[in-house]
């Protein structure tokens, strides 16, 4: 592991645009950020992770995109 440190710049203090500055610096798509603001951690076997990663690659999407689609299909939003 390298001990080289990379600076990320100072966060503006008292700036009403701080949230926008943070999101811009992180390269986060603001629309996606609003929809996906909770993190979910799953423990899977290395073999399953490999299968998921290969399936996503073959479909031309990220693992995250593919798994979100699977979860949305399996757990649709409740309708009134």
Protein backbone atom coordinates (compact mmCIF):
# COMPACT_ATOMS: atom_id res chain seq x y z
CA UNK A 1 0.00 0.00 0.00
CA UNK A 2 1.32 3.41 -0.95
CA UNK A 3 1.72 6.17 1.60
CA UNK A 4 1.33 8.84 -1.08
CA UNK A 5 -1.45 11.27 -0.17
CA UNK A 6 -3.54 13.13 -2.70
CA UNK A 7 -5.14 16.42 -1.68
CA UNK A 8 -8.80 16.95 -2.52
CA UNK A 9 -9.03 20.68 -1.97
CA UNK A 10 -10.57 22.64 0.86
CA UNK A 11 -14.31 22.59 1.37
CA UNK A 12 -15.76 26.10 1.22
CA UNK A 13 -16.86 27.25 4.67
CA UNK A 14 -20.15 29.09 5.08
CA UNK A 15 -20.86 28.86 1.36
CA UNK A 16 -24.55 28.23 0.57
CA UNK A 17 -23.43 26.39 -2.57
CA UNK A 18 -21.30 23.89 -0.61
CA UNK A 19 -23.58 20.94 -1.39
CA UNK A 20 -23.39 21.65 -5.12
CA UNK A 21 -19.61 22.02 -4.84
CA UNK A 22 -19.31 18.63 -3.14
CA UNK A 23 -21.50 16.89 -5.72
CA UNK A 24 -19.66 18.52 -8.61
CA UNK A 25 -16.30 17.52 -7.19
CA UNK A 26 -17.40 13.94 -6.70
CA UNK A 27 -18.70 13.69 -10.27
CA UNK A 28 -22.10 12.52 -9.03
CA UNK A 29 -25.05 12.70 -11.38
CA UNK A 30 -27.42 14.84 -9.29
CA UNK A 31 -30.51 13.08 -10.67
CA UNK A 32 -29.14 9.66 -9.69
CA UNK A 33 -28.03 11.00 -6.31
CA UNK A 34 -31.58 12.05 -5.50
CA UNK A 35 -32.98 8.65 -6.50
CA UNK A 36 -30.24 6.51 -4.96
CA UNK A 37 -29.16 7.96 -1.65
CA UNK A 38 -29.00 4.77 0.45
CA UNK A 39 -26.18 2.26 0.33
CA UNK A 40 -26.85 -1.47 0.52
CA UNK A 41 -24.06 -3.93 1.27
CA UNK A 42 -24.35 -7.59 0.36
CA UNK A 43 -21.94 -10.40 1.10
CA UNK A 44 -21.66 -12.75 -1.88
CA UNK A 45 -19.19 -15.42 -2.86
CA UNK A 46 -16.35 -14.44 -5.17
CA UNK A 47 -17.81 -16.78 -7.79
CA UNK A 48 -21.22 -15.05 -7.68
CA UNK A 49 -19.59 -11.63 -7.86
CA UNK A 50 -17.67 -12.76 -10.94
CA UNK A 51 -20.86 -14.04 -12.61
CA UNK A 52 -22.68 -10.78 -11.87
CA UNK A 53 -19.77 -8.70 -13.13
CA UNK A 54 -19.50 -10.73 -16.36
CA UNK A 55 -23.26 -10.53 -16.97
CA UNK A 56 -23.18 -6.75 -16.51
CA UNK A 57 -20.18 -6.41 -18.82
CA UNK A 58 -21.87 -8.52 -21.50
CA UNK A 59 -24.97 -6.30 -21.27
CA UNK A 60 -22.90 -3.13 -21.48
CA UNK A 61 -23.96 -1.79 -18.09
CA UNK A 62 -22.37 -1.49 -14.67
CA UNK A 63 -23.02 -3.99 -11.92
CA UNK A 64 -24.80 -1.24 -10.00
CA UNK A 65 -27.16 -0.46 -12.87
CA UNK A 66 -27.94 -4.10 -13.46
CA UNK A 67 -28.56 -4.90 -9.80
CA UNK A 68 -30.78 -1.84 -9.38
CA UNK A 69 -32.90 -3.09 -12.29
CA UNK A 70 -33.14 -6.55 -10.73
CA UNK A 71 -34.15 -5.10 -7.36
CA UNK A 72 -36.70 -2.75 -8.96
CA UNK A 73 -38.31 -5.68 -10.79
CA UNK A 74 -38.32 -7.90 -7.71
CA UNK A 75 -39.55 -5.19 -5.33
CA UNK A 76 -41.75 -2.78 -7.32
CA UNK A 77 -42.97 0.40 -5.70
CA UNK A 78 -46.30 -0.12 -3.96
CA UNK A 79 -49.28 1.40 -5.72
CA UNK A 80 -52.19 2.88 -3.78
